[in-house]
Each structure stands twice: as C-alpha cells, then as structure tokens.
Amino acid sequence: MNGSVSGNRGGLLFLGLFLALGMVVSSYLVSSTVQRVKLANQTIRVKGYTERQITSDIVEWRGEVQTRDPDLVTAYSRLEKDFGEVLAFIQKQGISGEEIKISPVSTRTLYKKTEKGSNTNEIEGYVLEQAIEIHSGNVELVSRLSRETTSLIRRGIHFSAGDPKYFCSRINDIKIELLGEATRNALLRAQQLARNSGSEVGNLRSCSQGVFQITPLYSTDVSNYGRYDTGTIEKAAKAVVTVEYSIRQ
C-alpha cells in the first residue's frame, strides 16, 4: 500500500517537473521568436541628397516693337520701319533666321475719354505691336544681345523686352543621374548610422523621390512643388530621396 502511494507521489513529482521544464522551454522559444520578429521588423529611414552644377545650353528671349499714331496707315508704316531696324540689328549680332520667330502685327484702337474717364466712340489713335522671339543654343550671344538693345531706344524705337530665359536640354537625363547619386548617398548615411549602433544595413524596404530643384548657384531657396530657375545660365540641380532599409543586429 505504502509502496503504491510512494510510486504515485514519484510519478506526480516527475510529471510536475516535466510540465515545468516544458513551460520554461516554451517560454524561451516564444521569447526567442518574438526577438527575431522584432529584429526582422527593425528599419532605418534616411534621406539622400546630391547637388550638381549645370550650364544652360538653350536660351529664349522675346521683345516687342510698338508704334502709336492717330492715323492707322502712318502707325503701320512706322512699325514696319522700326521693326526692320530691330530685325537687322539682331541678325547683325549673329542670330540666324532659323532662330528667329516673328509674330503677326496686333492692332489696338484708342478711344477718347470723357471727363469721368469713360470711353467715347471717337477714335483717338492706334497702337500697333509686333513681337520677335529668339530660340537659340548660343546662350552667351543672346545674353549679350539682350543687354545691348538700349541702342535701339536711342534711335527712337519703342522696343521693350523681358530678361532671357535659360534652360538645359539634358535636364531629364541629369535628373535620373542625380536620383541614382542621391540613393547611393542615402545608403552611405544608413550604413554609418547602423554601424554606430552596432547594426548592419539589410535589404531595401522602400524608396521615394523628393522634390527636384533647379536653383541659382549657392541659393538655399526651395519649394514644396519644385523650382526651375530660368534666370541664370549657371545653375544647381538638386535631388533628394527618402530610403528605408531593414537592419540586422
């Protein structure tokens, strides 16, 4: 009888030890699995940046000749003469005919006004305008030409023009190259940060392009929608990417 009881107690003790050991092992396995999952889900997010100086190789410039006279025929004759002088001046500087676009003449009728500033039906005169546009790859030549048109005003010609606009024909190729450089820059930053924390960079998780900017050299101006500076020949193209990597301990 006592032997039977002792055997039962021994069996229960063994069962208790077995269950306790199982709980310890199970707890360790669960803890180890959770740790691996946490490590597997750890990521690092960095921004990559690169900048390159680019030179414009296309220029656009637009000017306009205007005449005004009470007589329409006289106004047109004067416009024809003045515009011919402007065209000759531009071509003399070395701009070819293929680079020049001439717009049709526009006519605006001026009416006399009352003392209160309202228009009457009585014609006071006419304003005639004709535009000339230049699209050229000779950036420096057109840039200089735009500064020398004051000599036309000294001749009594009413010529008005805006500033030249400068563009780069390879901008799409440059953008792709800069995005690649910015991505490599992001990887270097991620590796440095991970190394400092005793980790290693793993697989790429995500990558997104930031705003692409073209600004004057040494400018710190940016725009949330991107910026394309057309006022300078020498520019800076800037690219930003946001990259996320997994990390390993």
C-alpha atoms as a PDB file:
ATOM      1  CA  MET A   1       0.000   0.000   0.000  1.00  0.00           C
ATOM      2  CA  ASN A   2       2.729   2.448   1.051  1.00  0.00           C
ATOM      3  CA  GLY A   3       4.765   1.443  -1.992  1.00  0.00           C
ATOM      4  CA  SER A   4       1.819   2.300  -4.198  1.00  0.00           C
ATOM      5  CA  VAL A   5       1.447   5.715  -2.614  1.00  0.00           C
ATOM      6  CA  SER A   6       5.144   6.427  -2.892  1.00  0.00           C
ATOM      7  CA  GLY A   7       5.051   5.424  -6.557  1.00  0.00           C
ATOM      8  CA  ASN A   8       2.155   7.771  -7.218  1.00  0.00           C
ATOM      9  CA  ARG A   9       3.937  10.623  -5.495  1.00  0.00           C
ATOM     10  CA  GLY A  10       7.053   9.960  -7.523  1.00  0.00           C
ATOM     11  CA  GLY A  11       5.041   9.957 -10.728  1.00  0.00           C
ATOM     12  CA  LEU A  12       3.300  13.195  -9.840  1.00  0.00           C
ATOM     13  CA  LEU A  13       6.614  14.803  -8.979  1.00  0.00           C
ATOM     14  CA  PHE A  14       8.103  13.689 -12.286  1.00  0.00           C
ATOM     15  CA  LEU A  15       5.053  14.989 -14.137  1.00  0.00           C
ATOM     16  CA  GLY A  16       5.315  18.336 -12.363  1.00  0.00           C
ATOM     17  CA  LEU A  17       8.976  18.661 -13.223  1.00  0.00           C
ATOM     18  CA  PHE A  18       8.260  17.730 -16.847  1.00  0.00           C
ATOM     19  CA  LEU A  19       5.488  20.324 -17.110  1.00  0.00           C
ATOM     20  CA  ALA A  20       7.654  23.000 -15.507  1.00  0.00           C
ATOM     21  CA  LEU A  21      10.502  22.224 -17.876  1.00  0.00           C
ATOM     22  CA  GLY A  22       8.106  22.373 -20.801  1.00  0.00           C
ATOM     23  CA  MET A  23       6.855  25.776 -19.739  1.00  0.00           C
ATOM     24  CA  VAL A  24      10.415  27.078 -19.447  1.00  0.00           C
ATOM     25  CA  VAL A  25      11.365  25.756 -22.889  1.00  0.00           C
ATOM     26  CA  SER A  26       8.134  27.060 -24.399  1.00  0.00           C
ATOM     27  CA  SER A  27       8.679  30.467 -22.819  1.00  0.00           C
ATOM     28  CA  TYR A  28      12.211  30.582 -24.204  1.00  0.00           C
ATOM     29  CA  LEU A  29      11.071  29.632 -27.685  1.00  0.00           C
ATOM     30  CA  VAL A  30       8.332  32.251 -27.672  1.00  0.00           C
ATOM     31  CA  SER A  31      10.716  34.892 -26.366  1.00  0.00           C
ATOM     32  CA  SER A  32      13.320  33.968 -28.963  1.00  0.00           C
ATOM     33  CA  THR A  33      10.747  34.081 -31.758  1.00  0.00           C
ATOM     34  CA  VAL A  34       9.477  37.494 -30.658  1.00  0.00           C
ATOM     35  CA  GLN A  35      13.028  38.793 -30.525  1.00  0.00           C
ATOM     36  CA  ARG A  36      13.707  37.548 -34.065  1.00  0.00           C
ATOM     37  CA  VAL A  37      10.476  39.136 -35.287  1.00  0.00           C
ATOM     38  CA  LYS A  38      11.399  42.450 -33.686  1.00  0.00           C
ATOM     39  CA  LEU A  39      14.830  42.386 -35.241  1.00  0.00           C
ATOM     40  CA  ALA A  40      13.382  41.442 -38.603  1.00  0.00           C
ATOM     41  CA  ASN A  41      10.972  44.392 -38.456  1.00  0.00           C
ATOM     42  CA  GLN A  42      13.539  46.973 -37.408  1.00  0.00           C
ATOM     43  CA  THR A  43      14.239  49.530 -40.141  1.00  0.00           C
ATOM     44  CA  ILE A  44      16.198  52.690 -40.648  1.00  0.00           C
ATOM     45  CA  ARG A  45      14.945  55.597 -42.729  1.00  0.00           C
ATOM     46  CA  VAL A  46      17.318  58.197 -44.162  1.00  0.00           C
ATOM     47  CA  LYS A  47      17.347  60.970 -46.744  1.00  0.00           C
ATOM     48  CA  GLY A  48      19.890  61.013 -49.531  1.00  0.00           C
ATOM     49  CA  TYR A  49      20.987  64.272 -51.163  1.00  0.00           C
ATOM     50  CA  THR A  50      23.110  65.294 -54.099  1.00  0.00           C
ATOM     51  CA  GLU A  51      23.767  68.512 -55.996  1.00  0.00           C
ATOM     52  CA  ARG A  52      25.412  69.280 -59.333  1.00  0.00           C
ATOM     53  CA  GLN A  53      26.302  72.462 -61.161  1.00  0.00           C
ATOM     54  CA  ILE A  54      24.784  72.587 -64.645  1.00  0.00           C
ATOM     55  CA  THR A  55      25.174  75.052 -67.517  1.00  0.00           C
ATOM     56  CA  SER A  56      22.255  76.196 -69.653  1.00  0.00           C
ATOM     57  CA  ASP A  57      22.559  75.395 -73.347  1.00  0.00           C
ATOM     58  CA  ILE A  58      19.267  76.865 -74.592  1.00  0.00           C
ATOM     59  CA  VAL A  59      18.060  80.453 -74.354  1.00  0.00           C
ATOM     60  CA  GLU A  60      14.706  82.022 -75.154  1.00  0.00           C
ATOM     61  CA  TRP A  61      14.210  85.753 -75.467  1.00  0.00           C
ATOM     62  CA  ARG A  62      11.260  87.862 -76.541  1.00  0.00           C
ATOM     63  CA  GLY A  63      10.999  91.524 -77.464  1.00  0.00           C
ATOM     64  CA  GLU A  64       8.279  93.756 -78.862  1.00  0.00           C
ATOM     65  CA  VAL A  65       8.197  96.832 -81.106  1.00  0.00           C
ATOM     66  CA  GLN A  66       5.364  99.309 -80.613  1.00  0.00           C
ATOM     67  CA  THR A  67       4.184 102.362 -82.521  1.00  0.00           C
ATOM     68  CA  ARG A  68       1.352 104.785 -81.853  1.00  0.00           C
ATOM     69  CA  ASP A  69      -0.264 107.344 -84.154  1.00  0.00           C
ATOM     70  CA  PRO A  70      -3.669 108.970 -84.777  1.00  0.00           C
ATOM     71  CA  ASP A  71      -3.519 107.605 -88.332  1.00  0.00           C
ATOM     72  CA  LEU A  72      -3.530 103.807 -88.785  1.00  0.00           C
ATOM     73  CA  VAL A  73      -1.525 103.843 -92.027  1.00  0.00           C
ATOM     74  CA  THR A  74       1.129 106.083 -90.516  1.00  0.00           C
ATOM     75  CA  ALA A  75       1.331 103.870 -87.433  1.00  0.00           C
ATOM     76  CA  TYR A  76       1.818 100.788 -89.599  1.00  0.00           C
ATOM     77  CA  SER A  77       4.477 102.441 -91.775  1.00  0.00           C
ATOM     78  CA  ARG A  78       6.418 103.447 -88.688  1.00  0.00           C
ATOM     79  CA  LEU A  79       6.099  99.941 -87.217  1.00  0.00           C
ATOM     80  CA  GLU A  80       7.360  98.421 -90.450  1.00  0.00           C
ATOM     81  CA  LYS A  81      10.391 100.707 -90.426  1.00  0.00           C
ATOM     82  CA  ASP A  82      11.207 100.264 -86.728  1.00  0.00           C
ATOM     83  CA  PHE A  83      10.728  96.524 -86.778  1.00  0.00           C
ATOM     84  CA  GLY A  84      13.013  96.247 -89.813  1.00  0.00           C
ATOM     85  CA  GLU A  85      15.739  98.084 -87.872  1.00  0.00           C
ATOM     86  CA  VAL A  86      15.316  95.796 -84.876  1.00  0.00           C
ATOM     87  CA  LEU A  87      15.483  92.685 -87.046  1.00  0.00           C
ATOM     88  CA  ALA A  88      18.587  93.940 -88.842  1.00  0.00           C
ATOM     89  CA  PHE A  89      20.234  94.771 -85.513  1.00  0.00           C
ATOM     90  CA  ILE A  90      19.585  91.265 -84.172  1.00  0.00           C
ATOM     91  CA  GLN A  91      20.808  89.498 -87.290  1.00  0.00           C
ATOM     92  CA  LYS A  92      23.914  91.673 -87.379  1.00  0.00           C
ATOM     93  CA  GLN A  93      24.827  90.324 -83.930  1.00  0.00           C
ATOM     94  CA  GLY A  94      24.975  86.801 -85.381  1.00  0.00           C
ATOM     95  CA  ILE A  95      21.460  85.416 -84.804  1.00  0.00           C
ATOM     96  CA  SER A  96      20.361  83.317 -87.781  1.00  0.00           C
ATOM     97  CA  GLY A  97      16.939  83.432 -89.384  1.00  0.00           C
ATOM     98  CA  GLU A  98      16.185  79.878 -88.197  1.00  0.00           C
ATOM     99  CA  GLU A  99      16.500  81.068 -84.591  1.00  0.00           C
ATOM    100  CA  ILE A 100      14.026  83.928 -85.043  1.00  0.00           C
ATOM    101  CA  LYS A 101      10.243  83.779 -84.891  1.00  0.00           C
ATOM    102  CA  ILE A 102       8.185  86.830 -85.914  1.00  0.00           C
ATOM    103  CA  SER A 103       4.642  87.266 -84.634  1.00  0.00           C
ATOM    104  CA  PRO A 104       1.811  88.914 -86.609  1.00  0.00           C
ATOM    105  CA  VAL A 105       1.058  92.588 -86.070  1.00  0.00           C
ATOM    106  CA  SER A 106      -1.566  93.299 -83.428  1.00  0.00           C
ATOM    107  CA  THR A 107      -3.682  96.475 -83.549  1.00  0.00           C
ATOM    108  CA  ARG A 108      -5.379  98.217 -80.666  1.00  0.00           C
ATOM    109  CA  THR A 109      -7.767 101.141 -81.168  1.00  0.00           C
ATOM    110  CA  LEU A 110      -7.665 104.033 -78.683  1.00  0.00           C
ATOM    111  CA  TYR A 111     -10.856 105.967 -77.967  1.00  0.00           C
ATOM    112  CA  LYS A 112     -11.176 109.412 -76.492  1.00  0.00           C
ATOM    113  CA  LYS A 113     -12.424 109.512 -72.950  1.00  0.00           C
ATOM    114  CA  THR A 114     -14.932 111.704 -71.191  1.00  0.00           C
ATOM    115  CA  GLU A 115     -14.059 113.835 -68.182  1.00  0.00           C
ATOM    116  CA  LYS A 116     -15.187 110.935 -65.997  1.00  0.00           C
ATOM    117  CA  GLY A 117     -12.827 108.509 -67.753  1.00  0.00           C
ATOM    118  CA  SER A 118     -15.367 106.628 -69.833  1.00  0.00           C
ATOM    119  CA  ASN A 119     -14.671 105.714 -73.466  1.00  0.00           C
ATOM    120  CA  THR A 120     -16.432 107.566 -76.261  1.00  0.00           C
ATOM    121  CA  ASN A 121     -16.995 106.402 -79.838  1.00  0.00           C
ATOM    122  CA  GLU A 122     -14.463 108.906 -81.155  1.00  0.00           C
ATOM    123  CA  ILE A 123     -11.168 107.313 -82.237  1.00  0.00           C
ATOM    124  CA  GLU A 124      -8.092 108.976 -80.781  1.00  0.00           C
ATOM    125  CA  GLY A 125      -5.422 106.818 -82.390  1.00  0.00           C
ATOM    126  CA  TYR A 126      -3.987 103.361 -82.887  1.00  0.00           C
ATOM    127  CA  VAL A 127      -1.349 101.244 -81.131  1.00  0.00           C
ATOM    128  CA  LEU A 128       0.426  98.645 -83.229  1.00  0.00           C
ATOM    129  CA  GLU A 129       2.694  95.951 -81.794  1.00  0.00           C
ATOM    130  CA  GLN A 130       4.828  93.205 -83.272  1.00  0.00           C
ATOM    131  CA  ALA A 131       6.870  90.658 -81.308  1.00  0.00           C
ATOM    132  CA  ILE A 132      10.104  88.914 -82.152  1.00  0.00           C
ATOM    133  CA  GLU A 133      11.210  85.731 -80.368  1.00  0.00           C
ATOM    134  CA  ILE A 134      14.612  84.082 -80.325  1.00  0.00           C
ATOM    135  CA  HIS A 135      15.211  80.418 -79.532  1.00  0.00           C
ATOM    136  CA  SER A 136      18.913  79.661 -79.708  1.00  0.00           C
ATOM    137  CA  GLY A 137      21.689  77.450 -78.432  1.00  0.00           C
ATOM    138  CA  ASN A 138      24.093  80.405 -78.419  1.00  0.00           C
ATOM    139  CA  VAL A 139      23.434  81.355 -74.817  1.00  0.00           C
ATOM    140  CA  GLU A 140      26.213  83.901 -74.332  1.00  0.00           C
ATOM    141  CA  LEU A 141      25.420  85.699 -77.593  1.00  0.00           C
ATOM    142  CA  VAL A 142      21.729  86.174 -76.801  1.00  0.00           C
ATOM    143  CA  SER A 143      22.580  87.164 -73.236  1.00  0.00           C
ATOM    144  CA  ARG A 144      24.846  89.932 -74.528  1.00  0.00           C
ATOM    145  CA  LEU A 145      22.335  90.947 -77.183  1.00  0.00           C
ATOM    146  CA  SER A 146      19.624  91.455 -74.565  1.00  0.00           C
ATOM    147  CA  ARG A 147      21.837  93.966 -72.781  1.00  0.00           C
ATOM    148  CA  GLU A 148      22.693  95.929 -75.923  1.00  0.00           C
ATOM    149  CA  THR A 149      19.163  96.695 -77.111  1.00  0.00           C
ATOM    150  CA  THR A 150      19.265 100.043 -75.334  1.00  0.00           C
ATOM    151  CA  SER A 151      20.914 101.367 -78.503  1.00  0.00           C
ATOM    152  CA  LEU A 152      17.587 100.793 -80.269  1.00  0.00           C
ATOM    153  CA  ILE A 153      15.825 103.077 -77.806  1.00  0.00           C
ATOM    154  CA  ARG A 154      18.384 105.812 -78.569  1.00  0.00           C
ATOM    155  CA  ARG A 155      17.233 105.657 -82.177  1.00  0.00           C
ATOM    156  CA  GLY A 156      13.716 106.487 -81.115  1.00  0.00           C
ATOM    157  CA  ILE A 157      12.425 102.916 -81.437  1.00  0.00           C
ATOM    158  CA  HIS A 158       9.924 101.814 -78.832  1.00  0.00           C
ATOM    159  CA  PHE A 159      11.385  98.348 -78.141  1.00  0.00           C
ATOM    160  CA  SER A 160      10.642  96.507 -74.921  1.00  0.00           C
ATOM    161  CA  ALA A 161      11.942  93.087 -73.912  1.00  0.00           C
ATOM    162  CA  GLY A 162      11.995  90.826 -70.900  1.00  0.00           C
ATOM    163  CA  ASP A 163      15.006  89.008 -69.491  1.00  0.00           C
ATOM    164  CA  PRO A 164      16.288  85.958 -71.374  1.00  0.00           C
ATOM    165  CA  LYS A 165      15.197  82.567 -70.065  1.00  0.00           C
ATOM    166  CA  TYR A 166      17.845  79.873 -69.803  1.00  0.00           C
ATOM    167  CA  PHE A 167      17.209  76.125 -69.982  1.00  0.00           C
ATOM    168  CA  CYS A 168      19.202  72.901 -70.017  1.00  0.00           C
ATOM    169  CA  SER A 169      18.334  70.402 -72.751  1.00  0.00           C
ATOM    170  CA  ARG A 170      19.674  67.397 -70.767  1.00  0.00           C
ATOM    171  CA  ILE A 171      17.643  68.032 -67.660  1.00  0.00           C
ATOM    172  CA  ASN A 172      15.745  64.722 -67.795  1.00  0.00           C
ATOM    173  CA  ASP A 173      18.967  62.713 -68.114  1.00  0.00           C
ATOM    174  CA  ILE A 174      20.582  64.752 -65.356  1.00  0.00           C
ATOM    175  CA  LYS A 175      17.593  64.146 -63.103  1.00  0.00           C
ATOM    176  CA  ILE A 176      17.922  60.366 -63.465  1.00  0.00           C
ATOM    177  CA  GLU A 177      21.661  60.537 -62.771  1.00  0.00           C
ATOM    178  CA  LEU A 178      21.139  62.675 -59.665  1.00  0.00           C
ATOM    179  CA  LEU A 179      18.464  60.352 -58.288  1.00  0.00           C
ATOM    180  CA  GLY A 180      20.970  57.493 -58.550  1.00  0.00           C
ATOM    181  CA  GLU A 181      23.610  59.558 -56.749  1.00  0.00           C
ATOM    182  CA  ALA A 182      21.155  60.587 -54.041  1.00  0.00           C
ATOM    183  CA  THR A 183      20.178  56.943 -53.478  1.00  0.00           C
ATOM    184  CA  ARG A 184      23.833  55.957 -53.067  1.00  0.00           C
ATOM    185  CA  ASN A 185      24.265  58.844 -50.656  1.00  0.00           C
ATOM    186  CA  ALA A 186      21.305  57.556 -48.631  1.00  0.00           C
ATOM    187  CA  LEU A 187      22.905  54.098 -48.391  1.00  0.00           C
ATOM    188  CA  LEU A 188      26.155  55.588 -47.081  1.00  0.00           C
ATOM    189  CA  ARG A 189      24.251  57.517 -44.430  1.00  0.00           C
ATOM    190  CA  ALA A 190      22.289  54.444 -43.404  1.00  0.00           C
ATOM    191  CA  GLN A 191      25.468  52.350 -43.145  1.00  0.00           C
ATOM    192  CA  GLN A 192      27.138  54.979 -40.967  1.00  0.00           C
ATOM    193  CA  LEU A 193      24.168  55.222 -38.624  1.00  0.00           C
ATOM    194  CA  ALA A 194      23.773  51.457 -38.391  1.00  0.00           C
ATOM    195  CA  ARG A 195      27.498  50.946 -37.775  1.00  0.00           C
ATOM    196  CA  ASN A 196      27.454  53.445 -34.922  1.00  0.00           C
ATOM    197  CA  SER A 197      24.656  51.484 -33.262  1.00  0.00           C
ATOM    198  CA  GLY A 198      26.276  48.084 -33.749  1.00  0.00           C
ATOM    199  CA  SER A 199      23.981  47.027 -36.581  1.00  0.00           C
ATOM    200  CA  GLU A 200      24.194  46.317 -40.287  1.00  0.00           C
ATOM    201  CA  VAL A 201      22.073  47.576 -43.160  1.00  0.00           C
ATOM    202  CA  GLY A 202      19.876  44.905 -44.719  1.00  0.00           C
ATOM    203  CA  ASN A 203      17.551  44.887 -47.701  1.00  0.00           C
ATOM    204  CA  LEU A 204      15.926  47.933 -49.222  1.00  0.00           C
ATOM    205  CA  ARG A 205      12.352  48.291 -47.951  1.00  0.00           C
ATOM    206  CA  SER A 206      11.156  51.435 -49.727  1.00  0.00           C
ATOM    207  CA  CYS A 207      12.421  54.398 -51.702  1.00  0.00           C
ATOM    208  CA  SER A 208      10.622  57.615 -52.660  1.00  0.00           C
ATOM    209  CA  GLN A 209      11.705  60.638 -54.663  1.00  0.00           C
ATOM    210  CA  GLY A 210      11.638  64.055 -53.069  1.00  0.00           C
ATOM    211  CA  VAL A 211      11.214  67.389 -54.814  1.00  0.00           C
ATOM    212  CA  PHE A 212      13.663  68.057 -57.654  1.00  0.00           C
ATOM    213  CA  GLN A 213      15.028  71.616 -57.554  1.00  0.00           C
ATOM    214  CA  ILE A 214      16.941  73.770 -60.045  1.00  0.00           C
ATOM    215  CA  THR A 215      18.137  76.942 -58.363  1.00  0.00           C
ATOM    216  CA  PRO A 216      20.744  79.640 -58.929  1.00  0.00           C
ATOM    217  CA  LEU A 217      24.198  78.651 -57.709  1.00  0.00           C
ATOM    218  CA  TYR A 218      24.650  78.860 -53.930  1.00  0.00           C
ATOM    219  CA  SER A 219      20.945  79.512 -53.416  1.00  0.00           C
ATOM    220  CA  THR A 220      19.205  77.971 -50.400  1.00  0.00           C
ATOM    221  CA  ASP A 221      15.702  78.653 -51.727  1.00  0.00           C
ATOM    222  CA  VAL A 222      13.477  75.597 -52.089  1.00  0.00           C
ATOM    223  CA  SER A 223       9.836  74.957 -52.946  1.00  0.00           C
ATOM    224  CA  ASN A 224       7.493  72.196 -51.885  1.00  0.00           C
ATOM    225  CA  TYR A 225       6.395  71.915 -55.505  1.00  0.00           C
ATOM    226  CA  GLY A 226       9.852  72.062 -57.030  1.00  0.00           C
ATOM    227  CA  ARG A 227      11.640  75.004 -58.572  1.00  0.00           C
ATOM    228  CA  TYR A 228      13.111  75.619 -62.025  1.00  0.00           C
ATOM    229  CA  ASP A 229      15.272  78.720 -62.194  1.00  0.00           C
ATOM    230  CA  THR A 230      15.342  80.232 -65.707  1.00  0.00           C
ATOM    231  CA  GLY A 231      17.068  83.488 -64.830  1.00  0.00           C
ATOM    232  CA  THR A 232      20.684  82.291 -64.655  1.00  0.00           C
ATOM    233  CA  ILE A 233      22.997  80.482 -67.048  1.00  0.00           C
ATOM    234  CA  GLU A 234      24.866  78.587 -64.331  1.00  0.00           C
ATOM    235  CA  LYS A 235      22.503  76.666 -62.061  1.00  0.00           C
ATOM    236  CA  ALA A 236      22.466  73.992 -59.372  1.00  0.00           C
ATOM    237  CA  ALA A 237      20.357  70.857 -59.817  1.00  0.00           C
ATOM    238  CA  LYS A 238      19.412  69.212 -56.518  1.00  0.00           C
ATOM    239  CA  ALA A 239      17.806  65.850 -55.816  1.00  0.00           C
ATOM    240  CA  VAL A 240      16.504  64.314 -52.585  1.00  0.00           C
ATOM    241  CA  VAL A 241      15.306  60.755 -51.930  1.00  0.00           C
ATOM    242  CA  THR A 242      13.897  59.069 -48.829  1.00  0.00           C
ATOM    243  CA  VAL A 243      15.053  55.475 -48.400  1.00  0.00           C
ATOM    244  CA  GLU A 244      14.180  52.813 -45.835  1.00  0.00           C
ATOM    245  CA  TYR A 245      16.334  49.746 -45.144  1.00  0.00           C
ATOM    246  CA  SER A 246      15.962  46.802 -42.820  1.00  0.00           C
ATOM    247  CA  ILE A 247      18.763  46.439 -40.231  1.00  0.00           C
ATOM    248  CA  ARG A 248      20.448  43.387 -38.751  1.00  0.00           C
ATOM    249  CA  GLN A 249      21.982  43.082 -35.272  1.00  0.00           C
END
